[in-house]
Amino acid sequence: MAFTHKAPNGKTYTLHSLMVKLRGSGVKQTIYYFSPKSGKAAIDNLPKGYKIIHSRRTGLPLLKKG
């Protein structure tokens, strides 16, 4: 079951992760993002060491370390 979060705007978002390769250095890094639709990259749990915050401007959920 994918990790979902209900934002203050009333919409439900699914957490996804994706492994990307940075252009300049070639370092591989995992990025996390919320999407209104569940896709292949959806993950089951909140990553350890992260918490959910909401953008003041848009109200969308974001992940923050700490």
N, C-alpha and C. Protein backbone atom coordinates (compact mmCIF):
# COMPACT_ATOMS: atom_id res chain seq x y z
N MET A 1 0.85 -1.18 0.00
CA MET A 1 0.00 0.00 0.00
C MET A 1 0.89 1.24 0.00
N ALA A 2 0.68 2.11 -0.93
CA ALA A 2 1.50 3.32 -1.07
C ALA A 2 1.20 4.30 0.07
N PHE A 3 2.22 5.08 0.44
CA PHE A 3 2.09 6.09 1.49
C PHE A 3 1.32 7.28 0.92
N THR A 4 0.21 7.64 1.57
CA THR A 4 -0.58 8.78 1.12
C THR A 4 -0.69 9.81 2.24
N HIS A 5 -0.95 11.05 1.84
CA HIS A 5 -1.08 12.15 2.80
C HIS A 5 -2.17 13.09 2.31
N LYS A 6 -3.05 13.48 3.22
CA LYS A 6 -4.12 14.42 2.87
C LYS A 6 -3.66 15.83 3.23
N ALA A 7 -3.59 16.69 2.23
CA ALA A 7 -3.11 18.07 2.40
C ALA A 7 -4.24 18.95 2.93
N PRO A 8 -3.89 20.13 3.47
CA PRO A 8 -4.92 21.05 3.97
C PRO A 8 -5.96 21.46 2.93
N ASN A 9 -5.60 21.37 1.65
CA ASN A 9 -6.56 21.72 0.60
C ASN A 9 -7.58 20.61 0.36
N GLY A 10 -7.46 19.48 1.10
CA GLY A 10 -8.42 18.40 1.00
C GLY A 10 -8.07 17.31 0.00
N LYS A 11 -7.01 17.51 -0.78
CA LYS A 11 -6.61 16.52 -1.78
C LYS A 11 -5.65 15.51 -1.17
N THR A 12 -5.68 14.29 -1.68
CA THR A 12 -4.78 13.23 -1.22
C THR A 12 -3.64 13.07 -2.21
N TYR A 13 -2.41 12.99 -1.67
CA TYR A 13 -1.21 12.86 -2.49
C TYR A 13 -0.46 11.60 -2.10
N THR A 14 0.18 10.96 -3.09
CA THR A 14 0.95 9.74 -2.90
C THR A 14 2.44 10.07 -2.98
N LEU A 15 3.21 9.48 -2.07
CA LEU A 15 4.66 9.72 -2.03
C LEU A 15 5.37 8.79 -3.01
N HIS A 16 6.28 9.35 -3.80
CA HIS A 16 7.07 8.60 -4.78
C HIS A 16 8.56 8.85 -4.53
N SER A 17 9.39 7.92 -5.01
CA SER A 17 10.84 8.13 -4.98
C SER A 17 11.41 7.75 -6.34
N LEU A 18 12.53 8.37 -6.66
CA LEU A 18 13.16 8.14 -7.95
C LEU A 18 14.67 8.32 -7.78
N MET A 19 15.46 7.38 -8.32
CA MET A 19 16.91 7.47 -8.30
C MET A 19 17.33 8.22 -9.56
N VAL A 20 18.04 9.35 -9.38
CA VAL A 20 18.48 10.15 -10.51
C VAL A 20 20.01 10.27 -10.49
N LYS A 21 20.57 10.53 -11.65
CA LYS A 21 22.01 10.74 -11.77
C LYS A 21 22.22 12.23 -12.05
N LEU A 22 22.97 12.90 -11.18
CA LEU A 22 23.21 14.34 -11.34
C LEU A 22 24.10 14.58 -12.55
N ARG A 23 23.77 15.60 -13.32
CA ARG A 23 24.47 15.87 -14.58
C ARG A 23 25.96 16.16 -14.41
N GLY A 24 26.30 17.11 -13.59
CA GLY A 24 27.69 17.56 -13.50
C GLY A 24 28.62 16.54 -12.87
N SER A 25 28.21 15.97 -11.75
CA SER A 25 29.10 15.09 -11.00
C SER A 25 28.86 13.61 -11.28
N GLY A 26 27.70 13.26 -11.79
CA GLY A 26 27.39 11.86 -12.05
C GLY A 26 26.99 11.09 -10.80
N VAL A 27 26.84 11.79 -9.68
CA VAL A 27 26.46 11.17 -8.42
C VAL A 27 24.99 10.74 -8.50
N LYS A 28 24.70 9.54 -7.99
CA LYS A 28 23.32 9.07 -7.94
C LYS A 28 22.68 9.55 -6.65
N GLN A 29 21.44 10.04 -6.75
CA GLN A 29 20.74 10.60 -5.60
C GLN A 29 19.27 10.23 -5.69
N THR A 30 18.66 9.93 -4.54
CA THR A 30 17.23 9.62 -4.49
C THR A 30 16.45 10.90 -4.25
N ILE A 31 15.45 11.13 -5.07
CA ILE A 31 14.56 12.27 -4.85
C ILE A 31 13.19 11.73 -4.44
N TYR A 32 12.48 12.50 -3.63
CA TYR A 32 11.15 12.14 -3.16
C TYR A 32 10.19 13.24 -3.59
N TYR A 33 8.99 12.84 -4.01
CA TYR A 33 8.00 13.83 -4.42
C TYR A 33 6.59 13.29 -4.20
N PHE A 34 5.64 14.21 -4.04
CA PHE A 34 4.24 13.85 -3.89
C PHE A 34 3.53 14.08 -5.21
N SER A 35 2.60 13.18 -5.53
CA SER A 35 1.82 13.29 -6.75
C SER A 35 0.36 12.96 -6.43
N PRO A 36 -0.59 13.63 -7.12
CA PRO A 36 -2.00 13.31 -6.87
C PRO A 36 -2.39 11.91 -7.37
N LYS A 37 -1.57 11.32 -8.24
CA LYS A 37 -1.84 9.98 -8.76
C LYS A 37 -0.76 9.01 -8.29
N SER A 38 -1.15 7.78 -8.06
CA SER A 38 -0.20 6.74 -7.67
C SER A 38 0.41 6.14 -8.93
N GLY A 39 1.74 6.01 -8.93
CA GLY A 39 2.43 5.47 -10.10
C GLY A 39 3.36 4.34 -9.72
N LYS A 40 4.21 3.92 -10.66
CA LYS A 40 5.15 2.83 -10.43
C LYS A 40 6.19 3.18 -9.37
N ALA A 41 6.50 4.46 -9.21
CA ALA A 41 7.54 4.89 -8.28
C ALA A 41 7.00 5.13 -6.87
N ALA A 42 5.73 4.81 -6.61
CA ALA A 42 5.13 5.03 -5.29
C ALA A 42 5.83 4.15 -4.25
N ILE A 43 6.02 4.71 -3.05
CA ILE A 43 6.68 3.96 -1.97
C ILE A 43 5.71 3.77 -0.81
N ASP A 44 6.01 2.76 0.02
CA ASP A 44 5.09 2.35 1.08
C ASP A 44 5.23 3.13 2.38
N ASN A 45 6.43 3.62 2.67
CA ASN A 45 6.67 4.27 3.96
C ASN A 45 7.37 5.60 3.80
N LEU A 46 7.19 6.45 4.79
CA LEU A 46 7.91 7.72 4.85
C LEU A 46 9.38 7.41 5.10
N PRO A 47 10.32 7.97 4.34
CA PRO A 47 11.74 7.68 4.55
C PRO A 47 12.19 8.09 5.96
N LYS A 48 13.06 7.29 6.54
CA LYS A 48 13.56 7.57 7.87
C LYS A 48 14.31 8.90 7.89
N GLY A 49 14.03 9.74 8.89
CA GLY A 49 14.70 11.02 9.01
C GLY A 49 14.00 12.17 8.30
N TYR A 50 12.84 11.92 7.69
CA TYR A 50 12.10 12.95 6.98
C TYR A 50 10.77 13.22 7.67
N LYS A 51 10.27 14.44 7.51
CA LYS A 51 8.94 14.78 8.00
C LYS A 51 8.20 15.54 6.91
N ILE A 52 6.87 15.58 7.01
CA ILE A 52 6.05 16.25 6.01
C ILE A 52 5.76 17.67 6.48
N ILE A 53 5.98 18.62 5.58
CA ILE A 53 5.60 20.02 5.81
C ILE A 53 4.71 20.43 4.63
N HIS A 54 4.11 21.61 4.72
CA HIS A 54 3.28 22.11 3.63
C HIS A 54 3.80 23.46 3.18
N SER A 55 3.81 23.67 1.88
CA SER A 55 4.22 24.94 1.30
C SER A 55 3.24 26.03 1.75
N ARG A 56 3.77 27.13 2.25
CA ARG A 56 2.91 28.24 2.67
C ARG A 56 2.16 28.84 1.49
N ARG A 57 2.82 28.88 0.36
CA ARG A 57 2.24 29.52 -0.82
C ARG A 57 1.16 28.67 -1.48
N THR A 58 1.44 27.35 -1.64
CA THR A 58 0.52 26.49 -2.40
C THR A 58 -0.25 25.50 -1.55
N GLY A 59 0.25 25.20 -0.33
CA GLY A 59 -0.39 24.22 0.54
C GLY A 59 -0.06 22.79 0.18
N LEU A 60 0.82 22.58 -0.81
CA LEU A 60 1.19 21.23 -1.23
C LEU A 60 2.15 20.60 -0.22
N PRO A 61 2.09 19.27 -0.05
CA PRO A 61 2.99 18.60 0.88
C PRO A 61 4.41 18.51 0.31
N LEU A 62 5.39 18.64 1.22
CA LEU A 62 6.81 18.54 0.87
C LEU A 62 7.49 17.68 1.93
N LEU A 63 8.62 17.07 1.59
CA LEU A 63 9.40 16.35 2.57
C LEU A 63 10.56 17.21 3.02
N LYS A 64 10.85 17.15 4.31
CA LYS A 64 11.95 17.92 4.87
C LYS A 64 12.75 17.00 5.79
N LYS A 65 14.08 17.09 5.71
CA LYS A 65 14.92 16.30 6.62
C LYS A 65 14.79 16.85 8.03
N GLY A 66 14.78 15.94 8.98
CA GLY A 66 14.76 16.40 10.36
C GLY A 66 13.62 15.93 11.07
